[in-house]
PDB file of N, CA and C in Angstrom:
ATOM      1  N   MET A   1     106.897  38.806 166.709  1.00  0.00           N
ATOM      2  CA  MET A   1     107.543  37.562 166.617  1.00  0.00           C
ATOM      3  C   MET A   1     107.676  37.217 165.120  1.00  0.00           C
ATOM      4  N   SER A   2     108.879  36.829 164.779  1.00  0.00           N
ATOM      5  CA  SER A   2     109.149  36.467 163.371  1.00  0.00           C
ATOM      6  C   SER A   2     109.011  34.973 163.254  1.00  0.00           C
ATOM      7  N   ARG A   3     108.452  34.620 162.178  1.00  0.00           N
ATOM      8  CA  ARG A   3     108.252  33.232 161.864  1.00  0.00           C
ATOM      9  C   ARG A   3     109.315  32.735 160.835  1.00  0.00           C
ATOM     10  N   GLN A   4     109.970  31.674 161.136  1.00  0.00           N
ATOM     11  CA  GLN A   4     110.970  31.135 160.302  1.00  0.00           C
ATOM     12  C   GLN A   4     110.369  30.091 159.338  1.00  0.00           C
ATOM     13  N   THR A   5     110.666  30.158 158.165  1.00  0.00           N
ATOM     14  CA  THR A   5     110.216  29.147 157.173  1.00  0.00           C
ATOM     15  C   THR A   5     111.120  28.009 157.052  1.00  0.00           C
ATOM     16  N   LYS A   6     110.614  26.834 157.001  1.00  0.00           N
ATOM     17  CA  LYS A   6     111.483  25.630 156.815  1.00  0.00           C
ATOM     18  C   LYS A   6     111.801  25.510 155.315  1.00  0.00           C
ATOM     19  N   GLN A   7     113.077  25.242 155.053  1.00  0.00           N
ATOM     20  CA  GLN A   7     113.493  24.999 153.734  1.00  0.00           C
ATOM     21  C   GLN A   7     113.441  23.502 153.445  1.00  0.00           C
ATOM     22  N   PRO A   8     113.060  23.109 152.262  1.00  0.00           N
ATOM     23  CA  PRO A   8     113.044  21.725 151.938  1.00  0.00           C
ATOM     24  C   PRO A   8     114.425  21.090 152.149  1.00  0.00           C
ATOM     25  N   GLU A   9     114.501  19.841 152.502  1.00  0.00           N
ATOM     26  CA  GLU A   9     115.772  19.205 152.770  1.00  0.00           C
ATOM     27  C   GLU A   9     116.722  19.210 151.584  1.00  0.00           C
ATOM     28  N   THR A  10     116.238  19.164 150.412  1.00  0.00           N
ATOM     29  CA  THR A  10     117.126  19.142 149.202  1.00  0.00           C
ATOM     30  C   THR A  10     117.928  20.431 149.113  1.00  0.00           C
ATOM     31  N   GLN A  11     117.295  21.586 149.458  1.00  0.00           N
ATOM     32  CA  GLN A  11     117.964  22.852 149.404  1.00  0.00           C
ATOM     33  C   GLN A  11     119.025  22.929 150.435  1.00  0.00           C
ATOM     34  N   THR A  12     118.734  22.481 151.646  1.00  0.00           N
ATOM     35  CA  THR A  12     119.747  22.605 152.735  1.00  0.00           C
ATOM     36  C   THR A  12     120.902  21.611 152.470  1.00  0.00           C
ATOM     37  N   ASN A  13     120.657  20.454 151.883  1.00  0.00           N
ATOM     38  CA  ASN A  13     121.744  19.588 151.560  1.00  0.00           C
ATOM     39  C   ASN A  13     122.649  20.096 150.508  1.00  0.00           C
ATOM     40  N   ARG A  14     122.100  20.790 149.562  1.00  0.00           N
ATOM     41  CA  ARG A  14     122.913  21.462 148.494  1.00  0.00           C
ATOM     42  C   ARG A  14     123.734  22.555 149.055  1.00  0.00           C
ATOM     43  N   GLN A  15     123.279  23.323 150.036  1.00  0.00           N
ATOM     44  CA  GLN A  15     124.025  24.355 150.566  1.00  0.00           C
ATOM     45  C   GLN A  15     125.117  23.869 151.496  1.00  0.00           C
ATOM     46  N   GLU A  16     124.817  22.772 152.210  1.00  0.00           N
ATOM     47  CA  GLU A  16     125.861  22.201 153.112  1.00  0.00           C
ATOM     48  C   GLU A  16     126.953  21.451 152.409  1.00  0.00           C
ATOM     49  N   ASN A  17     126.579  20.771 151.316  1.00  0.00           N
ATOM     50  CA  ASN A  17     127.425  19.891 150.556  1.00  0.00           C
ATOM     51  C   ASN A  17     127.666  20.441 149.136  1.00  0.00           C
ATOM     52  N   PRO A  18     128.469  21.494 148.983  1.00  0.00           N
ATOM     53  CA  PRO A  18     128.604  22.080 147.659  1.00  0.00           C
ATOM     54  C   PRO A  18     129.590  21.338 146.787  1.00  0.00           C
ATOM     55  N   LYS A  19     129.757  20.053 146.876  1.00  0.00           N
ATOM     56  CA  LYS A  19     130.764  19.350 146.034  1.00  0.00           C
ATOM     57  C   LYS A  19     130.283  19.325 144.561  1.00  0.00           C
ATOM     58  N   ARG A  20     131.090  19.781 143.700  1.00  0.00           N
ATOM     59  CA  ARG A  20     130.826  19.810 142.280  1.00  0.00           C
ATOM     60  C   ARG A  20     131.641  18.733 141.571  1.00  0.00           C
ATOM     61  N   LYS A  21     131.061  18.224 140.576  1.00  0.00           N
ATOM     62  CA  LYS A  21     131.787  17.268 139.754  1.00  0.00           C
ATOM     63  C   LYS A  21     132.665  18.008 138.749  1.00  0.00           C
ATOM     64  N   ILE A  22     133.889  17.690 138.729  1.00  0.00           N
ATOM     65  CA  ILE A  22     134.866  18.353 137.847  1.00  0.00           C
ATOM     66  C   ILE A  22     134.741  17.711 136.465  1.00  0.00           C
ATOM     67  N   ALA A  23     134.479  18.496 135.479  1.00  0.00           N
ATOM     68  CA  ALA A  23     134.354  18.029 134.107  1.00  0.00           C
ATOM     69  C   ALA A  23     135.693  17.699 133.486  1.00  0.00           C
ATOM     70  N   PRO A  24     135.735  16.684 132.597  1.00  0.00           N
ATOM     71  CA  PRO A  24     136.989  16.381 131.920  1.00  0.00           C
ATOM     72  C   PRO A  24     137.615  17.516 131.204  1.00  0.00           C
ATOM     73  N   LYS A  25     136.770  18.485 130.679  1.00  0.00           N
ATOM     74  CA  LYS A  25     137.339  19.641 129.967  1.00  0.00           C
ATOM     75  C   LYS A  25     138.090  20.554 130.954  1.00  0.00           C
ATOM     76  N   GLN A  26     137.553  20.674 132.226  1.00  0.00           N
ATOM     77  CA  GLN A  26     138.268  21.398 133.164  1.00  0.00           C
ATOM     78  C   GLN A  26     139.587  20.855 133.567  1.00  0.00           C
ATOM     79  N   ILE A  27     139.670  19.503 133.672  1.00  0.00           N
ATOM     80  CA  ILE A  27     140.866  18.814 133.929  1.00  0.00           C
ATOM     81  C   ILE A  27     141.907  19.042 132.889  1.00  0.00           C
ATOM     82  N   ALA A  28     141.439  18.839 131.564  1.00  0.00           N
ATOM     83  CA  ALA A  28     142.374  19.051 130.447  1.00  0.00           C
ATOM     84  C   ALA A  28     142.848  20.579 130.449  1.00  0.00           C
ATOM     85  N   ALA A  29     142.002  21.463 130.754  1.00  0.00           N
ATOM     86  CA  ALA A  29     142.440  22.872 130.764  1.00  0.00           C
ATOM     87  C   ALA A  29     143.492  23.122 131.833  1.00  0.00           C
ATOM     88  N   LEU A  30     143.280  22.566 133.008  1.00  0.00           N
ATOM     89  CA  LEU A  30     144.235  22.671 134.118  1.00  0.00           C
ATOM     90  C   LEU A  30     145.529  22.064 133.772  1.00  0.00           C
ATOM     91  N   VAL A  31     145.534  20.908 133.149  1.00  0.00           N
ATOM     92  CA  VAL A  31     146.755  20.229 132.725  1.00  0.00           C
ATOM     93  C   VAL A  31     147.541  21.153 131.767  1.00  0.00           C
ATOM     94  N   CYS A  32     146.807  21.725 130.837  1.00  0.00           N
ATOM     95  CA  CYS A  32     147.453  22.600 129.817  1.00  0.00           C
ATOM     96  C   CYS A  32     148.009  23.833 130.521  1.00  0.00           C
ATOM     97  N   VAL A  33     147.355  24.421 131.514  1.00  0.00           N
ATOM     98  CA  VAL A  33     147.927  25.593 132.265  1.00  0.00           C
ATOM     99  C   VAL A  33     149.178  25.142 133.016  1.00  0.00           C
ATOM    100  N   VAL A  34     149.118  23.989 133.710  1.00  0.00           N
ATOM    101  CA  VAL A  34     150.293  23.544 134.398  1.00  0.00           C
ATOM    102  C   VAL A  34     151.453  23.334 133.516  1.00  0.00           C
ATOM    103  N   LEU A  35     151.263  22.700 132.329  1.00  0.00           N
ATOM    104  CA  LEU A  35     152.338  22.562 131.385  1.00  0.00           C
ATOM    105  C   LEU A  35     152.917  23.892 130.949  1.00  0.00           C
ATOM    106  N   LEU A  36     152.070  24.844 130.605  1.00  0.00           N
ATOM    107  CA  LEU A  36     152.533  26.155 130.200  1.00  0.00           C
ATOM    108  C   LEU A  36     153.320  26.835 131.288  1.00  0.00           C
ATOM    109  N   VAL A  37     152.806  26.815 132.496  1.00  0.00           N
ATOM    110  CA  VAL A  37     153.576  27.480 133.569  1.00  0.00           C
ATOM    111  C   VAL A  37     154.868  26.698 133.833  1.00  0.00           C
ATOM    112  N   GLY A  38     154.959  25.437 133.710  1.00  0.00           N
ATOM    113  CA  GLY A  38     156.125  24.729 133.850  1.00  0.00           C
ATOM    114  C   GLY A  38     157.210  25.112 132.858  1.00  0.00           C
ATOM    115  N   MET A  39     156.718  25.228 131.612  1.00  0.00           N
ATOM    116  CA  MET A  39     157.582  25.691 130.554  1.00  0.00           C
ATOM    117  C   MET A  39     158.151  27.104 130.809  1.00  0.00           C
ATOM    118  N   TYR A  40     157.276  27.975 131.283  1.00  0.00           N
ATOM    119  CA  TYR A  40     157.740  29.322 131.556  1.00  0.00           C
ATOM    120  C   TYR A  40     158.763  29.355 132.652  1.00  0.00           C
ATOM    121  N   ILE A  41     158.543  28.560 133.692  1.00  0.00           N
ATOM    122  CA  ILE A  41     159.491  28.510 134.781  1.00  0.00           C
ATOM    123  C   ILE A  41     160.831  27.970 134.327  1.00  0.00           C
ATOM    124  N   GLY A  42     160.744  26.862 133.533  1.00  0.00           N
ATOM    125  CA  GLY A  42     161.987  26.327 132.943  1.00  0.00           C
ATOM    126  C   GLY A  42     162.729  27.279 132.045  1.00  0.00           C
ATOM    127  N   ALA A  43     161.989  28.018 131.241  1.00  0.00           N
ATOM    128  CA  ALA A  43     162.688  28.999 130.320  1.00  0.00           C
ATOM    129  C   ALA A  43     163.274  30.087 131.172  1.00  0.00           C
ATOM    130  N   PHE A  44     162.609  30.470 132.242  1.00  0.00           N
ATOM    131  CA  PHE A  44     163.175  31.563 133.095  1.00  0.00           C
ATOM    132  C   PHE A  44     164.503  31.093 133.817  1.00  0.00           C
ATOM    133  N   VAL A  45     164.481  29.882 134.296  1.00  0.00           N
ATOM    134  CA  VAL A  45     165.678  29.292 134.944  1.00  0.00           C
ATOM    135  C   VAL A  45     166.838  29.169 133.957  1.00  0.00           C
ATOM    136  N   VAL A  46     166.547  28.698 132.816  1.00  0.00           N
ATOM    137  CA  VAL A  46     167.560  28.503 131.724  1.00  0.00           C
ATOM    138  C   VAL A  46     168.099  29.907 131.434  1.00  0.00           C
ATOM    139  N   ALA A  47     167.245  30.866 131.260  1.00  0.00           N
ATOM    140  CA  ALA A  47     167.704  32.265 130.884  1.00  0.00           C
ATOM    141  C   ALA A  47     168.588  32.880 131.967  1.00  0.00           C
ATOM    142  N   CYS A  48     168.180  32.675 133.271  1.00  0.00           N
ATOM    143  CA  CYS A  48     168.903  33.271 134.373  1.00  0.00           C
ATOM    144  C   CYS A  48     170.266  32.575 134.548  1.00  0.00           C
ATOM    145  N   LEU A  49     170.276  31.253 134.361  1.00  0.00           N
ATOM    146  CA  LEU A  49     171.599  30.529 134.522  1.00  0.00           C
ATOM    147  C   LEU A  49     172.473  30.616 133.288  1.00  0.00           C
ATOM    148  N   ASP A  50     171.926  31.044 132.176  1.00  0.00           N
ATOM    149  CA  ASP A  50     172.728  31.171 130.950  1.00  0.00           C
ATOM    150  C   ASP A  50     173.255  29.782 130.508  1.00  0.00           C
ATOM    151  N   LEU A  51     172.362  28.850 130.494  1.00  0.00           N
ATOM    152  CA  LEU A  51     172.839  27.463 130.109  1.00  0.00           C
ATOM    153  C   LEU A  51     172.889  27.311 128.582  1.00  0.00           C
ATOM    154  N   GLY A  52     172.610  28.256 127.806  1.00  0.00           N
ATOM    155  CA  GLY A  52     172.690  28.169 126.370  1.00  0.00           C
ATOM    156  C   GLY A  52     171.315  27.853 125.786  1.00  0.00           C
ATOM    157  N   ASP A  53     171.151  28.285 124.533  1.00  0.00           N
ATOM    158  CA  ASP A  53     169.903  28.072 123.795  1.00  0.00           C
ATOM    159  C   ASP A  53     168.678  28.637 124.494  1.00  0.00           C
ATOM    160  N   SER A  54     168.827  29.683 125.317  1.00  0.00           N
ATOM    161  CA  SER A  54     167.639  30.171 125.990  1.00  0.00           C
ATOM    162  C   SER A  54     166.763  30.905 125.021  1.00  0.00           C
ATOM    163  N   GLY A  55     167.284  31.458 123.929  1.00  0.00           N
ATOM    164  CA  GLY A  55     166.446  32.112 122.918  1.00  0.00           C
ATOM    165  C   GLY A  55     165.591  31.102 122.236  1.00  0.00           C
ATOM    166  N   ARG A  56     166.033  29.980 121.896  1.00  0.00           N
ATOM    167  CA  ARG A  56     165.238  28.921 121.258  1.00  0.00           C
ATOM    168  C   ARG A  56     164.159  28.450 122.186  1.00  0.00           C
ATOM    169  N   LEU A  57     164.556  28.249 123.500  1.00  0.00           N
ATOM    170  CA  LEU A  57     163.531  27.871 124.452  1.00  0.00           C
ATOM    171  C   LEU A  57     162.403  28.868 124.634  1.00  0.00           C
ATOM    172  N   PHE A  58     162.824  30.125 124.612  1.00  0.00           N
ATOM    173  CA  PHE A  58     161.788  31.239 124.706  1.00  0.00           C
ATOM    174  C   PHE A  58     160.892  31.204 123.520  1.00  0.00           C
ATOM    175  N   ALA A  59     161.419  31.015 122.329  1.00  0.00           N
ATOM    176  CA  ALA A  59     160.629  30.922 121.130  1.00  0.00           C
ATOM    177  C   ALA A  59     159.719  29.759 121.119  1.00  0.00           C
ATOM    178  N   GLY A  60     160.214  28.565 121.673  1.00  0.00           N
ATOM    179  CA  GLY A  60     159.334  27.458 121.833  1.00  0.00           C
ATOM    180  C   GLY A  60     158.168  27.723 122.814  1.00  0.00           C
ATOM    181  N   CYS A  61     158.438  28.454 123.856  1.00  0.00           N
ATOM    182  CA  CYS A  61     157.378  28.838 124.834  1.00  0.00           C
ATOM    183  C   CYS A  61     156.368  29.711 124.153  1.00  0.00           C
ATOM    184  N   LEU A  62     156.794  30.640 123.321  1.00  0.00           N
ATOM    185  CA  LEU A  62     155.802  31.521 122.602  1.00  0.00           C
ATOM    186  C   LEU A  62     154.951  30.714 121.674  1.00  0.00           C
ATOM    187  N   VAL A  63     155.560  29.803 120.967  1.00  0.00           N
ATOM    188  CA  VAL A  63     154.805  28.907 120.057  1.00  0.00           C
ATOM    189  C   VAL A  63     153.816  28.050 120.851  1.00  0.00           C
ATOM    190  N   ALA A  64     154.230  27.521 121.975  1.00  0.00           N
ATOM    191  CA  ALA A  64     153.397  26.621 122.761  1.00  0.00           C
ATOM    192  C   ALA A  64     152.289  27.398 123.435  1.00  0.00           C
ATOM    193  N   THR A  65     152.471  28.650 123.706  1.00  0.00           N
ATOM    194  CA  THR A  65     151.480  29.497 124.278  1.00  0.00           C
ATOM    195  C   THR A  65     150.252  29.612 123.368  1.00  0.00           C
ATOM    196  N   ILE A  66     150.506  29.653 122.099  1.00  0.00           N
ATOM    197  CA  ILE A  66     149.444  29.735 121.048  1.00  0.00           C
ATOM    198  C   ILE A  66     149.014  28.320 120.671  1.00  0.00           C
ATOM    199  N   GLY A  67     149.970  27.458 120.485  1.00  0.00           N
ATOM    200  CA  GLY A  67     149.656  26.112 119.921  1.00  0.00           C
ATOM    201  C   GLY A  67     148.913  25.159 120.907  1.00  0.00           C
ATOM    202  N   MET A  68     149.336  25.118 122.178  1.00  0.00           N
ATOM    203  CA  MET A  68     148.711  24.189 123.085  1.00  0.00           C
ATOM    204  C   MET A  68     147.280  24.367 123.311  1.00  0.00           C
ATOM    205  N   PRO A  69     146.781  25.612 123.586  1.00  0.00           N
ATOM    206  CA  PRO A  69     145.327  25.798 123.674  1.00  0.00           C
ATOM    207  C   PRO A  69     144.572  25.422 122.449  1.00  0.00           C
ATOM    208  N   ILE A  70     145.131  25.668 121.277  1.00  0.00           N
ATOM    209  CA  ILE A  70     144.545  25.363 120.009  1.00  0.00           C
ATOM    210  C   ILE A  70     144.423  23.832 119.912  1.00  0.00           C
ATOM    211  N   LEU A  71     145.439  23.134 120.189  1.00  0.00           N
ATOM    212  CA  LEU A  71     145.486  21.701 120.164  1.00  0.00           C
ATOM    213  C   LEU A  71     144.575  21.128 121.166  1.00  0.00           C
ATOM    214  N   LEU A  72     144.462  21.718 122.351  1.00  0.00           N
ATOM    215  CA  LEU A  72     143.525  21.230 123.356  1.00  0.00           C
ATOM    216  C   LEU A  72     142.121  21.404 122.914  1.00  0.00           C
ATOM    217  N   TRP A  73     141.773  22.522 122.338  1.00  0.00           N
ATOM    218  CA  TRP A  73     140.430  22.772 121.853  1.00  0.00           C
ATOM    219  C   TRP A  73     140.102  21.757 120.758  1.00  0.00           C
ATOM    220  N   LEU A  74     140.966  21.528 119.744  1.00  0.00           N
ATOM    221  CA  LEU A  74     140.713  20.515 118.767  1.00  0.00           C
ATOM    222  C   LEU A  74     140.516  19.128 119.346  1.00  0.00           C
ATOM    223  N   LEU A  75     141.262  18.749 120.272  1.00  0.00           N
ATOM    224  CA  LEU A  75     141.123  17.482 120.975  1.00  0.00           C
ATOM    225  C   LEU A  75     139.823  17.338 121.624  1.00  0.00           C
ATOM    226  N   ILE A  76     139.378  18.342 122.435  1.00  0.00           N
ATOM    227  CA  ILE A  76     138.103  18.242 123.050  1.00  0.00           C
ATOM    228  C   ILE A  76     136.948  18.251 122.089  1.00  0.00           C
ATOM    229  N   TRP A  77     137.093  19.006 121.047  1.00  0.00           N
ATOM    230  CA  TRP A  77     136.091  19.079 119.955  1.00  0.00           C
ATOM    231  C   TRP A  77     135.888  17.800 119.267  1.00  0.00           C
ATOM    232  N   SER A  78     137.056  17.128 118.967  1.00  0.00           N
ATOM    233  CA  SER A  78     136.945  15.836 118.270  1.00  0.00           C
ATOM    234  C   SER A  78     136.391  14.757 119.217  1.00  0.00           C
ATOM    235  N   PHE A  79     136.645  14.803 120.544  1.00  0.00           N
ATOM    236  CA  PHE A  79     136.036  13.854 121.452  1.00  0.00           C
ATOM    237  C   PHE A  79     134.517  14.064 121.547  1.00  0.00           C
ATOM    238  N   ASP A  80     134.094  15.325 121.560  1.00  0.00           N
ATOM    239  CA  ASP A  80     132.667  15.653 121.591  1.00  0.00           C
ATOM    240  C   ASP A  80     131.974  15.082 120.325  1.00  0.00           C
ATOM    241  N   LEU A  81     132.634  15.263 119.140  1.00  0.00           N
ATOM    242  CA  LEU A  81     132.060  14.738 117.941  1.00  0.00           C
ATOM    243  C   LEU A  81     131.979  13.206 117.904  1.00  0.00           C
ATOM    244  N   MET A  82     133.000  12.556 118.459  1.00  0.00           N
ATOM    245  CA  MET A  82     132.929  11.101 118.509  1.00  0.00           C
ATOM    246  C   MET A  82     131.844  10.620 119.519  1.00  0.00           C
ATOM    247  N   LYS A  83     131.663  11.365 120.604  1.00  0.00           N
ATOM    248  CA  LYS A  83     130.695  10.998 121.530  1.00  0.00           C
ATOM    249  C   LYS A  83     129.294  11.156 121.009  1.00  0.00           C
ATOM    250  N   LYS A  84     129.029  12.249 120.274  1.00  0.00           N
ATOM    251  CA  LYS A  84     127.737  12.450 119.640  1.00  0.00           C
ATOM    252  C   LYS A  84     127.458  11.382 118.621  1.00  0.00           C
ATOM    253  N   ARG A  85     128.488  10.987 117.788  1.00  0.00           N
ATOM    254  CA  ARG A  85     128.272   9.921 116.762  1.00  0.00           C
ATOM    255  C   ARG A  85     127.969   8.603 117.475  1.00  0.00           C
ATOM    256  N   ARG A  86     128.668   8.287 118.567  1.00  0.00           N
ATOM    257  CA  ARG A  86     128.507   7.056 119.268  1.00  0.00           C
ATOM    258  C   ARG A  86     127.040   7.035 119.878  1.00  0.00           C
ATOM    259  N   ASP A  87     126.612   8.185 120.414  1.00  0.00           N
ATOM    260  CA  ASP A  87     125.234   8.220 121.002  1.00  0.00           C
ATOM    261  C   ASP A  87     124.134   8.102 119.899  1.00  0.00           C
ATOM    262  N   GLU A  88     124.395   8.700 118.742  1.00  0.00           N
ATOM    263  CA  GLU A  88     123.454   8.520 117.683  1.00  0.00           C
ATOM    264  C   GLU A  88     123.359   7.155 117.151  1.00  0.00           C
ATOM    265  N   GLY A  89     124.515   6.464 117.096  1.00  0.00           N
ATOM    266  CA  GLY A  89     124.534   5.071 116.697  1.00  0.00           C
ATOM    267  C   GLY A  89     123.836   4.110 117.642  1.00  0.00           C
ATOM    268  N   LYS A  90     123.810   4.399 118.886  1.00  0.00           N
ATOM    269  CA  LYS A  90     123.133   3.588 119.847  1.00  0.00           C
ATOM    270  C   LYS A  90     121.576   3.638 119.728  1.00  0.00           C
ATOM    271  N   GLY A  91     121.107   4.727 119.312  1.00  0.00           N
ATOM    272  CA  GLY A  91     119.635   4.909 119.190  1.00  0.00           C
ATOM    273  C   GLY A  91     119.093   4.168 117.937  1.00  0.00           C
ATOM    274  N   GLN A  92     119.826   3.689 117.040  1.00  0.00           N
ATOM    275  CA  GLN A  92     119.308   3.053 115.803  1.00  0.00           C
ATOM    276  C   GLN A  92     118.905   1.639 116.064  1.00  0.00           C
ATOM    277  N   PHE A  93     119.365   0.933 116.992  1.00  0.00           N
ATOM    278  CA  PHE A  93     119.050  -0.424 117.138  1.00  0.00           C
ATOM    279  C   PHE A  93     118.017  -0.611 118.141  1.00  0.00           C
TER     280      PHE A  93
END
């Protein structure tokens, strides 16, 4: 006869309810990805329909592919710095 061990209630609740809190960094990264994909789809449609200036739009997509993640990283980094300074300032009083 095998004996089953009881798991504590906290472990079973974690397994049954695996809801995770989505971090603001993850939301910002997903927004960046959606914007990039939207630009790529727009550039593809403009290139297929030959609406003009598709070369400039493609060049803009290439620049945004490099620039948007860098700008996003700088934005997140600056928010983290401001948050740390704000938290350090609260501890002084």
